[in-house]
PDB file of N, CA and C in Angstrom:
ATOM      1  N   MET A   1      12.465  13.440  12.122  1.00  0.00           N
ATOM      2  CA  MET A   1      11.390  13.592  13.079  1.00  0.00           C
ATOM      3  C   MET A   1      10.348  12.506  12.818  1.00  0.00           C
ATOM      4  N   SER A   2       9.973  11.793  13.869  1.00  0.00           N
ATOM      5  CA  SER A   2       8.915  10.804  13.693  1.00  0.00           C
ATOM      6  C   SER A   2       7.687  11.266  14.468  1.00  0.00           C
ATOM      7  N   ALA A   3       6.538  10.798  14.036  1.00  0.00           N
ATOM      8  CA  ALA A   3       5.282  11.203  14.648  1.00  0.00           C
ATOM      9  C   ALA A   3       4.356  10.000  14.756  1.00  0.00           C
ATOM     10  N   LEU A   4       3.367  10.127  15.620  1.00  0.00           N
ATOM     11  CA  LEU A   4       2.400   9.047  15.792  1.00  0.00           C
ATOM     12  C   LEU A   4       1.367   9.008  14.677  1.00  0.00           C
ATOM     13  N   GLY A   5       0.992  10.178  14.156  1.00  0.00           N
ATOM     14  CA  GLY A   5      -0.063  10.162  13.150  1.00  0.00           C
ATOM     15  C   GLY A   5      -0.132  11.408  12.307  1.00  0.00           C
ATOM     16  N   ARG A   6      -1.012  11.321  11.327  1.00  0.00           N
ATOM     17  CA  ARG A   6      -1.289  12.409  10.398  1.00  0.00           C
ATOM     18  C   ARG A   6      -2.773  12.727  10.487  1.00  0.00           C
ATOM     19  N   HIS A   7      -3.092  14.016  10.595  1.00  0.00           N
ATOM     20  CA  HIS A   7      -4.478  14.446  10.755  1.00  0.00           C
ATOM     21  C   HIS A   7      -4.800  15.457   9.657  1.00  0.00           C
ATOM     22  N   VAL A   8      -5.634  15.043   8.711  1.00  0.00           N
ATOM     23  CA  VAL A   8      -6.065  15.937   7.645  1.00  0.00           C
ATOM     24  C   VAL A   8      -7.392  16.571   8.053  1.00  0.00           C
ATOM     25  N   LEU A   9      -7.395  17.899   8.083  1.00  0.00           N
ATOM     26  CA  LEU A   9      -8.603  18.679   8.359  1.00  0.00           C
ATOM     27  C   LEU A   9      -9.079  19.201   7.012  1.00  0.00           C
ATOM     28  N   ALA A  10     -10.228  18.702   6.568  1.00  0.00           N
ATOM     29  CA  ALA A  10     -10.699  18.999   5.222  1.00  0.00           C
ATOM     30  C   ALA A  10     -12.039  19.723   5.252  1.00  0.00           C
ATOM     31  N   GLU A  11     -12.179  20.686   4.342  1.00  0.00           N
ATOM     32  CA  GLU A  11     -13.429  21.405   4.173  1.00  0.00           C
ATOM     33  C   GLU A  11     -13.858  21.252   2.718  1.00  0.00           C
ATOM     34  N   PHE A  12     -15.081  20.775   2.539  1.00  0.00           N
ATOM     35  CA  PHE A  12     -15.631  20.546   1.210  1.00  0.00           C
ATOM     36  C   PHE A  12     -16.694  21.604   0.935  1.00  0.00           C
ATOM     37  N   TYR A  13     -16.543  22.301  -0.179  1.00  0.00           N
ATOM     38  CA  TYR A  13     -17.468  23.371  -0.571  1.00  0.00           C
ATOM     39  C   TYR A  13     -18.155  23.016  -1.882  1.00  0.00           C
ATOM     40  N   GLY A  14     -19.370  23.528  -2.052  1.00  0.00           N
ATOM     41  CA  GLY A  14     -20.085  23.360  -3.310  1.00  0.00           C
ATOM     42  C   GLY A  14     -20.622  21.962  -3.540  1.00  0.00           C
ATOM     43  N   CYS A  15     -20.924  21.249  -2.453  1.00  0.00           N
ATOM     44  CA  CYS A  15     -21.488  19.897  -2.573  1.00  0.00           C
ATOM     45  C   CYS A  15     -23.002  19.977  -2.745  1.00  0.00           C
ATOM     46  N   PRO A  16     -23.593  19.088  -3.537  1.00  0.00           N
ATOM     47  CA  PRO A  16     -25.048  19.073  -3.679  1.00  0.00           C
ATOM     48  C   PRO A  16     -25.741  18.803  -2.334  1.00  0.00           C
ATOM     49  N   GLU A  17     -26.770  19.567  -2.078  1.00  0.00           N
ATOM     50  CA  GLU A  17     -27.516  19.455  -0.824  1.00  0.00           C
ATOM     51  C   GLU A  17     -28.037  18.041  -0.584  1.00  0.00           C
ATOM     52  N   GLU A  18     -28.530  17.397  -1.650  1.00  0.00           N
ATOM     53  CA  GLU A  18     -29.110  16.064  -1.481  1.00  0.00           C
ATOM     54  C   GLU A  18     -28.069  15.023  -1.060  1.00  0.00           C
ATOM     55  N   ILE A  19     -26.827  15.219  -1.445  1.00  0.00           N
ATOM     56  CA  ILE A  19     -25.774  14.294  -1.010  1.00  0.00           C
ATOM     57  C   ILE A  19     -25.478  14.492   0.471  1.00  0.00           C
ATOM     58  N   LEU A  20     -25.327  15.750   0.881  1.00  0.00           N
ATOM     59  CA  LEU A  20     -24.929  16.036   2.260  1.00  0.00           C
ATOM     60  C   LEU A  20     -26.043  15.856   3.282  1.00  0.00           C
ATOM     61  N   ASN A  21     -27.242  15.589   2.824  1.00  0.00           N
ATOM     62  CA  ASN A  21     -28.356  15.381   3.750  1.00  0.00           C
ATOM     63  C   ASN A  21     -28.817  13.926   3.772  1.00  0.00           C
ATOM     64  N   ASP A  22     -28.111  13.053   3.075  1.00  0.00           N
ATOM     65  CA  ASP A  22     -28.482  11.639   2.956  1.00  0.00           C
ATOM     66  C   ASP A  22     -27.590  10.803   3.874  1.00  0.00           C
ATOM     67  N   ILE A  23     -28.110  10.457   5.042  1.00  0.00           N
ATOM     68  CA  ILE A  23     -27.310   9.764   6.059  1.00  0.00           C
ATOM     69  C   ILE A  23     -26.751   8.443   5.556  1.00  0.00           C
ATOM     70  N   ARG A  24     -27.548   7.684   4.838  1.00  0.00           N
ATOM     71  CA  ARG A  24     -27.061   6.386   4.343  1.00  0.00           C
ATOM     72  C   ARG A  24     -25.913   6.560   3.346  1.00  0.00           C
ATOM     73  N   ARG A  25     -26.066   7.539   2.486  1.00  0.00           N
ATOM     74  CA  ARG A  25     -25.019   7.798   1.492  1.00  0.00           C
ATOM     75  C   ARG A  25     -23.734   8.311   2.162  1.00  0.00           C
ATOM     76  N   ILE A  26     -23.893   9.217   3.116  1.00  0.00           N
ATOM     77  CA  ILE A  26     -22.738   9.753   3.843  1.00  0.00           C
ATOM     78  C   ILE A  26     -22.012   8.621   4.576  1.00  0.00           C
ATOM     79  N   GLU A  27     -22.766   7.797   5.298  1.00  0.00           N
ATOM     80  CA  GLU A  27     -22.165   6.690   6.045  1.00  0.00           C
ATOM     81  C   GLU A  27     -21.415   5.734   5.111  1.00  0.00           C
ATOM     82  N   ARG A  28     -22.061   5.333   4.040  1.00  0.00           N
ATOM     83  CA  ARG A  28     -21.424   4.402   3.097  1.00  0.00           C
ATOM     84  C   ARG A  28     -20.164   5.019   2.480  1.00  0.00           C
ATOM     85  N   THR A  29     -20.239   6.299   2.135  1.00  0.00           N
ATOM     86  CA  THR A  29     -19.103   6.983   1.524  1.00  0.00           C
ATOM     87  C   THR A  29     -17.937   7.109   2.498  1.00  0.00           C
ATOM     88  N   MET A  30     -18.222   7.413   3.744  1.00  0.00           N
ATOM     89  CA  MET A  30     -17.156   7.526   4.750  1.00  0.00           C
ATOM     90  C   MET A  30     -16.488   6.173   5.000  1.00  0.00           C
ATOM     91  N   VAL A  31     -17.298   5.121   5.085  1.00  0.00           N
ATOM     92  CA  VAL A  31     -16.748   3.770   5.258  1.00  0.00           C
ATOM     93  C   VAL A  31     -15.901   3.401   4.046  1.00  0.00           C
ATOM     94  N   ASP A  32     -16.414   3.659   2.857  1.00  0.00           N
ATOM     95  CA  ASP A  32     -15.668   3.342   1.634  1.00  0.00           C
ATOM     96  C   ASP A  32     -14.360   4.132   1.548  1.00  0.00           C
ATOM     97  N   ALA A  33     -14.371   5.387   1.994  1.00  0.00           N
ATOM     98  CA  ALA A  33     -13.152   6.200   1.981  1.00  0.00           C
ATOM     99  C   ALA A  33     -12.090   5.595   2.895  1.00  0.00           C
ATOM    100  N   ALA A  34     -12.517   5.128   4.055  1.00  0.00           N
ATOM    101  CA  ALA A  34     -11.585   4.487   4.990  1.00  0.00           C
ATOM    102  C   ALA A  34     -10.992   3.223   4.363  1.00  0.00           C
ATOM    103  N   LEU A  35     -11.846   2.419   3.763  1.00  0.00           N
ATOM    104  CA  LEU A  35     -11.380   1.182   3.130  1.00  0.00           C
ATOM    105  C   LEU A  35     -10.457   1.475   1.945  1.00  0.00           C
ATOM    106  N   GLU A  36     -10.817   2.479   1.163  1.00  0.00           N
ATOM    107  CA  GLU A  36      -9.998   2.870   0.004  1.00  0.00           C
ATOM    108  C   GLU A  36      -8.586   3.268   0.447  1.00  0.00           C
ATOM    109  N   ALA A  37      -8.493   3.895   1.618  1.00  0.00           N
ATOM    110  CA  ALA A  37      -7.196   4.328   2.139  1.00  0.00           C
ATOM    111  C   ALA A  37      -6.417   3.193   2.807  1.00  0.00           C
ATOM    112  N   GLY A  38      -7.055   2.037   2.946  1.00  0.00           N
ATOM    113  CA  GLY A  38      -6.380   0.885   3.533  1.00  0.00           C
ATOM    114  C   GLY A  38      -6.617   0.692   5.015  1.00  0.00           C
ATOM    115  N   ALA A  39      -7.614   1.370   5.563  1.00  0.00           N
ATOM    116  CA  ALA A  39      -7.901   1.286   6.994  1.00  0.00           C
ATOM    117  C   ALA A  39      -8.735   0.060   7.341  1.00  0.00           C
ATOM    118  N   GLU A  40      -8.708  -0.294   8.604  1.00  0.00           N
ATOM    119  CA  GLU A  40      -9.498  -1.399   9.142  1.00  0.00           C
ATOM    120  C   GLU A  40     -10.627  -0.818  10.002  1.00  0.00           C
ATOM    121  N   ILE A  41     -11.876  -1.034   9.576  1.00  0.00           N
ATOM    122  CA  ILE A  41     -13.048  -0.487  10.253  1.00  0.00           C
ATOM    123  C   ILE A  41     -13.286  -1.210  11.580  1.00  0.00           C
ATOM    124  N   ARG A  42     -13.569  -0.425  12.619  1.00  0.00           N
ATOM    125  CA  ARG A  42     -13.918  -0.976  13.938  1.00  0.00           C
ATOM    126  C   ARG A  42     -15.380  -0.710  14.288  1.00  0.00           C
ATOM    127  N   GLU A  43     -15.815   0.548  14.207  1.00  0.00           N
ATOM    128  CA  GLU A  43     -17.196   0.917  14.539  1.00  0.00           C
ATOM    129  C   GLU A  43     -17.632   2.085  13.665  1.00  0.00           C
ATOM    130  N   VAL A  44     -18.950   2.222  13.536  1.00  0.00           N
ATOM    131  CA  VAL A  44     -19.534   3.284  12.722  1.00  0.00           C
ATOM    132  C   VAL A  44     -20.728   3.855  13.477  1.00  0.00           C
ATOM    133  N   ALA A  45     -20.805   5.185  13.579  1.00  0.00           N
ATOM    134  CA  ALA A  45     -21.943   5.834  14.235  1.00  0.00           C
ATOM    135  C   ALA A  45     -22.268   7.128  13.500  1.00  0.00           C
ATOM    136  N   PHE A  46     -23.533   7.255  13.060  1.00  0.00           N
ATOM    137  CA  PHE A  46     -23.973   8.443  12.336  1.00  0.00           C
ATOM    138  C   PHE A  46     -25.315   8.914  12.878  1.00  0.00           C
ATOM    139  N   HIS A  47     -25.563  10.230  12.768  1.00  0.00           N
ATOM    140  CA  HIS A  47     -26.816  10.821  13.239  1.00  0.00           C
ATOM    141  C   HIS A  47     -27.317  11.828  12.214  1.00  0.00           C
ATOM    142  N   LYS A  48     -28.628  11.785  11.936  1.00  0.00           N
ATOM    143  CA  LYS A  48     -29.284  12.739  11.026  1.00  0.00           C
ATOM    144  C   LYS A  48     -29.994  13.775  11.872  1.00  0.00           C
ATOM    145  N   PHE A  49     -29.710  15.043  11.625  1.00  0.00           N
ATOM    146  CA  PHE A  49     -30.340  16.130  12.355  1.00  0.00           C
ATOM    147  C   PHE A  49     -31.616  16.580  11.649  1.00  0.00           C
ATOM    148  N   SER A  50     -32.486  17.225  12.395  1.00  0.00           N
ATOM    149  CA  SER A  50     -33.722  17.767  11.838  1.00  0.00           C
ATOM    150  C   SER A  50     -33.642  19.287  11.923  1.00  0.00           C
ATOM    151  N   PRO A  51     -33.822  19.996  10.854  1.00  0.00           N
ATOM    152  CA  PRO A  51     -34.357  19.529   9.583  1.00  0.00           C
ATOM    153  C   PRO A  51     -33.293  19.030   8.610  1.00  0.00           C
ATOM    154  N   GLN A  52     -32.001  19.266   8.905  1.00  0.00           N
ATOM    155  CA  GLN A  52     -30.976  18.861   7.950  1.00  0.00           C
ATOM    156  C   GLN A  52     -29.634  18.704   8.634  1.00  0.00           C
ATOM    157  N   GLY A  53     -28.740  18.005   7.958  1.00  0.00           N
ATOM    158  CA  GLY A  53     -27.380  17.820   8.446  1.00  0.00           C
ATOM    159  C   GLY A  53     -27.126  16.418   8.952  1.00  0.00           C
ATOM    160  N   VAL A  54     -25.897  15.988   8.806  1.00  0.00           N
ATOM    161  CA  VAL A  54     -25.477  14.660   9.242  1.00  0.00           C
ATOM    162  C   VAL A  54     -24.137  14.805   9.960  1.00  0.00           C
ATOM    163  N   SER A  55     -23.983  14.097  11.065  1.00  0.00           N
ATOM    164  CA  SER A  55     -22.699  13.978  11.747  1.00  0.00           C
ATOM    165  C   SER A  55     -22.397  12.509  11.926  1.00  0.00           C
ATOM    166  N   GLY A  56     -21.124  12.175  11.874  1.00  0.00           N
ATOM    167  CA  GLY A  56     -20.794  10.778  12.084  1.00  0.00           C
ATOM    168  C   GLY A  56     -19.310  10.537  12.210  1.00  0.00           C
ATOM    169  N   VAL A  57     -19.015   9.325  12.643  1.00  0.00           N
ATOM    170  CA  VAL A  57     -17.634   8.914  12.808  1.00  0.00           C
ATOM    171  C   VAL A  57     -17.467   7.463  12.371  1.00  0.00           C
ATOM    172  N   VAL A  58     -16.350   7.210  11.720  1.00  0.00           N
ATOM    173  CA  VAL A  58     -15.938   5.854  11.385  1.00  0.00           C
ATOM    174  C   VAL A  58     -14.677   5.613  12.209  1.00  0.00           C
ATOM    175  N   VAL A  59     -14.783   4.745  13.187  1.00  0.00           N
ATOM    176  CA  VAL A  59     -13.637   4.414  14.015  1.00  0.00           C
ATOM    177  C   VAL A  59     -12.851   3.322  13.299  1.00  0.00           C
ATOM    178  N   ILE A  60     -11.575   3.597  13.101  1.00  0.00           N
ATOM    179  CA  ILE A  60     -10.703   2.645  12.419  1.00  0.00           C
ATOM    180  C   ILE A  60      -9.593   2.229  13.386  1.00  0.00           C
ATOM    181  N   SER A  61      -8.978   1.110  13.129  1.00  0.00           N
ATOM    182  CA  SER A  61      -7.871   0.662  13.980  1.00  0.00           C
ATOM    183  C   SER A  61      -6.787   1.735  14.046  1.00  0.00           C
ATOM    184  N   GLU A  62      -6.643   2.491  12.980  1.00  0.00           N
ATOM    185  CA  GLU A  62      -5.602   3.496  12.871  1.00  0.00           C
ATOM    186  C   GLU A  62      -6.019   4.868  13.401  1.00  0.00           C
ATOM    187  N   SER A  63      -7.255   5.070  13.826  1.00  0.00           N
ATOM    188  CA  SER A  63      -7.795   6.266  14.477  1.00  0.00           C
ATOM    189  C   SER A  63      -9.242   6.505  14.052  1.00  0.00           C
ATOM    190  N   HIS A  64      -9.520   7.536  13.189  1.00  0.00           N
ATOM    191  CA  HIS A  64     -10.921   7.806  12.849  1.00  0.00           C
ATOM    192  C   HIS A  64     -11.073   8.715  11.626  1.00  0.00           C
ATOM    193  N   LEU A  65     -12.296   8.678  11.074  1.00  0.00           N
ATOM    194  CA  LEU A  65     -12.771   9.652  10.104  1.00  0.00           C
ATOM    195  C   LEU A  65     -14.049  10.226  10.697  1.00  0.00           C
ATOM    196  N   ALA A  66     -14.193  11.542  10.678  1.00  0.00           N
ATOM    197  CA  ALA A  66     -15.389  12.179  11.237  1.00  0.00           C
ATOM    198  C   ALA A  66     -15.905  13.231  10.261  1.00  0.00           C
ATOM    199  N   ILE A  67     -17.222  13.477  10.321  1.00  0.00           N
ATOM    200  CA  ILE A  67     -17.844  14.439   9.399  1.00  0.00           C
ATOM    201  C   ILE A  67     -18.990  15.169  10.090  1.00  0.00           C
ATOM    202  N   HIS A  68     -19.199  16.402   9.672  1.00  0.00           N
ATOM    203  CA  HIS A  68     -20.414  17.148   9.993  1.00  0.00           C
ATOM    204  C   HIS A  68     -20.777  17.927   8.737  1.00  0.00           C
ATOM    205  N   THR A  69     -22.049  17.840   8.332  1.00  0.00           N
ATOM    206  CA  THR A  69     -22.479  18.494   7.094  1.00  0.00           C
ATOM    207  C   THR A  69     -23.468  19.624   7.349  1.00  0.00           C
ATOM    208  N   TRP A  70     -23.412  20.610   6.485  1.00  0.00           N
ATOM    209  CA  TRP A  70     -24.376  21.696   6.401  1.00  0.00           C
ATOM    210  C   TRP A  70     -24.925  21.659   4.983  1.00  0.00           C
ATOM    211  N   PRO A  71     -25.919  20.811   4.719  1.00  0.00           N
ATOM    212  CA  PRO A  71     -26.431  20.645   3.355  1.00  0.00           C
ATOM    213  C   PRO A  71     -26.914  21.954   2.724  1.00  0.00           C
ATOM    214  N   GLU A  72     -27.552  22.797   3.530  1.00  0.00           N
ATOM    215  CA  GLU A  72     -28.098  24.048   3.014  1.00  0.00           C
ATOM    216  C   GLU A  72     -27.007  24.992   2.507  1.00  0.00           C
ATOM    217  N   LEU A  73     -25.766  24.766   2.949  1.00  0.00           N
ATOM    218  CA  LEU A  73     -24.634  25.579   2.509  1.00  0.00           C
ATOM    219  C   LEU A  73     -23.721  24.839   1.537  1.00  0.00           C
ATOM    220  N   GLY A  74     -24.028  23.567   1.281  1.00  0.00           N
ATOM    221  CA  GLY A  74     -23.179  22.766   0.412  1.00  0.00           C
ATOM    222  C   GLY A  74     -21.812  22.512   1.010  1.00  0.00           C
ATOM    223  N   TYR A  75     -21.744  22.472   2.340  1.00  0.00           N
ATOM    224  CA  TYR A  75     -20.466  22.417   3.053  1.00  0.00           C
ATOM    225  C   TYR A  75     -20.393  21.204   3.976  1.00  0.00           C
ATOM    226  N   ALA A  76     -19.193  20.603   4.026  1.00  0.00           N
ATOM    227  CA  ALA A  76     -18.929  19.513   4.965  1.00  0.00           C
ATOM    228  C   ALA A  76     -17.546  19.700   5.566  1.00  0.00           C
ATOM    229  N   ALA A  77     -17.451  19.499   6.875  1.00  0.00           N
ATOM    230  CA  ALA A  77     -16.170  19.517   7.585  1.00  0.00           C
ATOM    231  C   ALA A  77     -15.813  18.070   7.900  1.00  0.00           C
ATOM    232  N   VAL A  78     -14.592  17.675   7.540  1.00  0.00           N
ATOM    233  CA  VAL A  78     -14.173  16.276   7.692  1.00  0.00           C
ATOM    234  C   VAL A  78     -12.792  16.214   8.335  1.00  0.00           C
ATOM    235  N   ASP A  79     -12.634  15.289   9.272  1.00  0.00           N
ATOM    236  CA  ASP A  79     -11.330  14.964   9.852  1.00  0.00           C
ATOM    237  C   ASP A  79     -10.968  13.552   9.421  1.00  0.00           C
ATOM    238  N   VAL A  80      -9.733  13.380   8.980  1.00  0.00           N
ATOM    239  CA  VAL A  80      -9.211  12.045   8.703  1.00  0.00           C
ATOM    240  C   VAL A  80      -7.904  11.933   9.489  1.00  0.00           C
ATOM    241  N   PHE A  81      -7.945  11.175  10.575  1.00  0.00           N
ATOM    242  CA  PHE A  81      -6.788  11.027  11.457  1.00  0.00           C
ATOM    243  C   PHE A  81      -6.318   9.581  11.381  1.00  0.00           C
ATOM    244  N   THR A  82      -5.060   9.403  10.983  1.00  0.00           N
ATOM    245  CA  THR A  82      -4.512   8.053  10.861  1.00  0.00           C
ATOM    246  C   THR A  82      -3.189   7.967  11.609  1.00  0.00           C
ATOM    247  N   CYS A  83      -2.968   6.842  12.225  1.00  0.00           N
ATOM    248  CA  CYS A  83      -1.716   6.575  12.921  1.00  0.00           C
ATOM    249  C   CYS A  83      -0.959   5.489  12.169  1.00  0.00           C
ATOM    250  N   GLY A  84       0.357   5.541  12.280  1.00  0.00           N
ATOM    251  CA  GLY A  84       1.174   4.548  11.587  1.00  0.00           C
ATOM    252  C   GLY A  84       1.399   4.916  10.137  1.00  0.00           C
ATOM    253  N   ASP A  85       2.013   3.999   9.407  1.00  0.00           N
ATOM    254  CA  ASP A  85       2.377   4.251   8.015  1.00  0.00           C
ATOM    255  C   ASP A  85       1.491   3.543   7.004  1.00  0.00           C
ATOM    256  N   LYS A  86       0.559   2.726   7.479  1.00  0.00           N
ATOM    257  CA  LYS A  86      -0.243   1.882   6.586  1.00  0.00           C
ATOM    258  C   LYS A  86      -1.319   2.659   5.820  1.00  0.00           C
ATOM    259  N   VAL A  87      -1.915   3.661   6.443  1.00  0.00           N
ATOM    260  CA  VAL A  87      -3.072   4.360   5.870  1.00  0.00           C
ATOM    261  C   VAL A  87      -2.693   5.798   5.519  1.00  0.00           C
ATOM    262  N   ASP A  88      -3.005   6.208   4.288  1.00  0.00           N
ATOM    263  CA  ASP A  88      -2.737   7.572   3.833  1.00  0.00           C
ATOM    264  C   ASP A  88      -4.033   8.385   3.926  1.00  0.00           C
ATOM    265  N   PRO A  89      -4.100   9.377   4.819  1.00  0.00           N
ATOM    266  CA  PRO A  89      -5.339  10.145   4.980  1.00  0.00           C
ATOM    267  C   PRO A  89      -5.740  10.929   3.735  1.00  0.00           C
ATOM    268  N   TRP A  90      -4.775  11.257   2.880  1.00  0.00           N
ATOM    269  CA  TRP A  90      -5.087  12.010   1.663  1.00  0.00           C
ATOM    270  C   TRP A  90      -5.862  11.170   0.655  1.00  0.00           C
ATOM    271  N   ILE A  91      -5.649   9.879   0.660  1.00  0.00           N
ATOM    272  CA  ILE A  91      -6.430   9.006  -0.228  1.00  0.00           C
ATOM    273  C   ILE A  91      -7.900   9.100   0.160  1.00  0.00           C
ATOM    274  N   ALA A  92      -8.188   9.056   1.457  1.00  0.00           N
ATOM    275  CA  ALA A  92      -9.576   9.163   1.931  1.00  0.00           C
ATOM    276  C   ALA A  92     -10.151  10.541   1.617  1.00  0.00           C
ATOM    277  N   ALA A  93      -9.391  11.601   1.866  1.00  0.00           N
ATOM    278  CA  ALA A  93      -9.886  12.963   1.629  1.00  0.00           C
ATOM    279  C   ALA A  93     -10.207  13.189   0.149  1.00  0.00           C
ATOM    280  N   ASN A  94      -9.346  12.749  -0.729  1.00  0.00           N
ATOM    281  CA  ASN A  94      -9.601  12.924  -2.163  1.00  0.00           C
ATOM    282  C   ASN A  94     -10.760  12.060  -2.648  1.00  0.00           C
ATOM    283  N   TYR A  95     -10.895  10.870  -2.083  1.00  0.00           N
ATOM    284  CA  TYR A  95     -12.036  10.004  -2.400  1.00  0.00           C
ATOM    285  C   TYR A  95     -13.342  10.707  -2.016  1.00  0.00           C
ATOM    286  N   LEU A  96     -13.367  11.315  -0.830  1.00  0.00           N
ATOM    287  CA  LEU A  96     -14.569  12.011  -0.364  1.00  0.00           C
ATOM    288  C   LEU A  96     -14.892  13.214  -1.245  1.00  0.00           C
ATOM    289  N   LYS A  97     -13.884  13.948  -1.679  1.00  0.00           N
ATOM    290  CA  LYS A  97     -14.123  15.100  -2.566  1.00  0.00           C
ATOM    291  C   LYS A  97     -14.865  14.654  -3.825  1.00  0.00           C
ATOM    292  N   GLU A  98     -14.397  13.571  -4.380  1.00  0.00           N
ATOM    293  CA  GLU A  98     -15.031  13.054  -5.599  1.00  0.00           C
ATOM    294  C   GLU A  98     -16.453  12.582  -5.322  1.00  0.00           C
ATOM    295  N   ARG A  99     -16.647  11.801  -4.288  1.00  0.00           N
ATOM    296  CA  ARG A  99     -17.964  11.214  -3.993  1.00  0.00           C
ATOM    297  C   ARG A  99     -18.984  12.234  -3.504  1.00  0.00           C
ATOM    298  N   PHE A 100     -18.511  13.307  -2.871  1.00  0.00           N
ATOM    299  CA  PHE A 100     -19.425  14.358  -2.430  1.00  0.00           C
ATOM    300  C   PHE A 100     -19.641  15.402  -3.515  1.00  0.00           C
ATOM    301  N   ALA A 101     -19.001  15.205  -4.677  1.00  0.00           N
ATOM    302  CA  ALA A 101     -19.120  16.115  -5.819  1.00  0.00           C
ATOM    303  C   ALA A 101     -18.814  17.551  -5.418  1.00  0.00           C
ATOM    304  N   ALA A 102     -17.774  17.714  -4.617  1.00  0.00           N
ATOM    305  CA  ALA A 102     -17.386  19.038  -4.127  1.00  0.00           C
ATOM    306  C   ALA A 102     -16.755  19.865  -5.243  1.00  0.00           C
ATOM    307  N   ASP A 103     -17.110  21.133  -5.279  1.00  0.00           N
ATOM    308  CA  ASP A 103     -16.464  22.057  -6.209  1.00  0.00           C
ATOM    309  C   ASP A 103     -15.039  22.345  -5.766  1.00  0.00           C
ATOM    310  N   ARG A 104     -14.856  22.356  -4.436  1.00  0.00           N
ATOM    311  CA  ARG A 104     -13.559  22.759  -3.902  1.00  0.00           C
ATOM    312  C   ARG A 104     -13.279  22.029  -2.594  1.00  0.00           C
ATOM    313  N   LEU A 105     -12.027  21.652  -2.428  1.00  0.00           N
ATOM    314  CA  LEU A 105     -11.531  21.045  -1.189  1.00  0.00           C
ATOM    315  C   LEU A 105     -10.426  21.938  -0.652  1.00  0.00           C
ATOM    316  N   SER A 106     -10.577  22.359   0.590  1.00  0.00           N
ATOM    317  CA  SER A 106      -9.532  23.092   1.286  1.00  0.00           C
ATOM    318  C   SER A 106      -9.098  22.202   2.438  1.00  0.00           C
ATOM    319  N   ALA A 107      -7.797  21.884   2.509  1.00  0.00           N
ATOM    320  CA  ALA A 107      -7.359  20.941   3.538  1.00  0.00           C
ATOM    321  C   ALA A 107      -5.948  21.255   3.994  1.00  0.00           C
ATOM    322  N   GLN A 108      -5.676  20.837   5.215  1.00  0.00           N
ATOM    323  CA  GLN A 108      -4.329  20.931   5.750  1.00  0.00           C
ATOM    324  C   GLN A 108      -4.027  19.682   6.548  1.00  0.00           C
ATOM    325  N   GLU A 109      -2.769  19.349   6.597  1.00  0.00           N
ATOM    326  CA  GLU A 109      -2.351  18.189   7.376  1.00  0.00           C
ATOM    327  C   GLU A 109      -1.588  18.648   8.608  1.00  0.00           C
ATOM    328  N   ILE A 110      -1.944  18.059   9.727  1.00  0.00           N
ATOM    329  CA  ILE A 110      -1.257  18.329  10.982  1.00  0.00           C
ATOM    330  C   ILE A 110      -0.604  17.037  11.437  1.00  0.00           C
ATOM    331  N   THR A 111       0.668  17.130  11.771  1.00  0.00           N
ATOM    332  CA  THR A 111       1.374  15.966  12.285  1.00  0.00           C
ATOM    333  C   THR A 111       1.081  15.864  13.772  1.00  0.00           C
ATOM    334  N   ARG A 112       0.664  14.689  14.212  1.00  0.00           N
ATOM    335  CA  ARG A 112       0.274  14.486  15.605  1.00  0.00           C
ATOM    336  C   ARG A 112       1.286  13.605  16.327  1.00  0.00           C
ATOM    337  N   GLY A 113       1.511  13.893  17.600  1.00  0.00           N
ATOM    338  CA  GLY A 113       2.380  13.054  18.424  1.00  0.00           C
ATOM    339  C   GLY A 113       3.835  13.097  18.039  1.00  0.00           C
ATOM    340  N   ILE A 114       4.384  14.310  17.949  1.00  0.00           N
ATOM    341  CA  ILE A 114       5.804  14.446  17.646  1.00  0.00           C
ATOM    342  C   ILE A 114       6.569  14.412  18.969  1.00  0.00           C
ATOM    343  N   PHE A 115       7.446  13.458  19.107  1.00  0.00           N
ATOM    344  CA  PHE A 115       8.235  13.314  20.320  1.00  0.00           C
ATOM    345  C   PHE A 115       9.703  13.520  20.008  1.00  0.00           C
ATOM    346  N   ASP A 116      10.375  14.222  20.891  1.00  0.00           N
ATOM    347  CA  ASP A 116      11.820  14.406  20.775  1.00  0.00           C
ATOM    348  C   ASP A 116      12.466  13.067  21.114  1.00  0.00           C
ATOM    349  N   VAL A 117      13.223  12.514  20.185  1.00  0.00           N
ATOM    350  CA  VAL A 117      13.828  11.193  20.363  1.00  0.00           C
ATOM    351  C   VAL A 117      14.695  11.157  21.606  1.00  0.00           C
ATOM    352  N   GLU A 118      15.484  12.195  21.832  1.00  0.00           N
ATOM    353  CA  GLU A 118      16.376  12.240  22.994  1.00  0.00           C
ATOM    354  C   GLU A 118      15.576  12.214  24.293  1.00  0.00           C
ATOM    355  N   VAL A 119      14.516  12.991  24.385  1.00  0.00           N
ATOM    356  CA  VAL A 119      13.681  13.018  25.581  1.00  0.00           C
ATOM    357  C   VAL A 119      13.020  11.659  25.797  1.00  0.00           C
ATOM    358  N   SER A 120      12.528  11.039  24.727  1.00  0.00           N
ATOM    359  CA  SER A 120      11.889   9.729  24.848  1.00  0.00           C
ATOM    360  C   SER A 120      12.862   8.689  25.372  1.00  0.00           C
ATOM    361  N   ILE A 121      14.094   8.729  24.914  1.00  0.00           N
ATOM    362  CA  ILE A 121      15.094   7.761  25.373  1.00  0.00           C
ATOM    363  C   ILE A 121      15.402   8.002  26.835  1.00  0.00           C
ATOM    364  N   LYS A 122      15.580   9.251  27.252  1.00  0.00           N
ATOM    365  CA  LYS A 122      15.849   9.575  28.653  1.00  0.00           C
ATOM    366  C   LYS A 122      14.688   9.124  29.531  1.00  0.00           C
ATOM    367  N   ALA A 123      13.457   9.376  29.083  1.00  0.00           N
ATOM    368  CA  ALA A 123      12.294   8.988  29.868  1.00  0.00           C
ATOM    369  C   ALA A 123      12.240   7.480  30.038  1.00  0.00           C
ATOM    370  N   ALA A 124      12.656   6.742  29.026  1.00  0.00           N
ATOM    371  CA  ALA A 124      12.621   5.283  29.089  1.00  0.00           C
ATOM    372  C   ALA A 124      13.636   4.734  30.096  1.00  0.00           C
ATOM    373  N   ASN A 125      14.637   5.516  30.473  1.00  0.00           N
ATOM    374  CA  ASN A 125      15.668   5.065  31.401  1.00  0.00           C
ATOM    375  C   ASN A 125      15.323   5.281  32.864  1.00  0.00           C
ATOM    376  N   PHE A 126      14.226   5.908  33.158  1.00  0.00           N
ATOM    377  CA  PHE A 126      13.867   6.178  34.574  1.00  0.00           C
ATOM    378  C   PHE A 126      13.263   4.966  35.223  1.00  0.00           C
TER     379      PHE A 126
END
């Protein structure tokens, strides 16, 4: 079975509030995680909420990394979606766990874009 991409849905628990509320640190860490995984950065957009929380996305040639933080709960929700074989989303997820000083990482991988080879070949013949 071949697929277009891998999507890791990660939840980070027990992170220090000051880390998850620092937009510059979050942005730099997300960019570094993408680079560590071998991705090519295209665009970066982050927003700091009042009174707390950060959301952002790192657009990569291979798809994206996205985050939303709840500093008051020590929690961050992160998506790492990569297409192709060049970038391993788990490298980015584990890098983020370390840099966010998370007590716990709960994550699952979803395979995206699974196509039946036989159907794809038939469709190509029309």
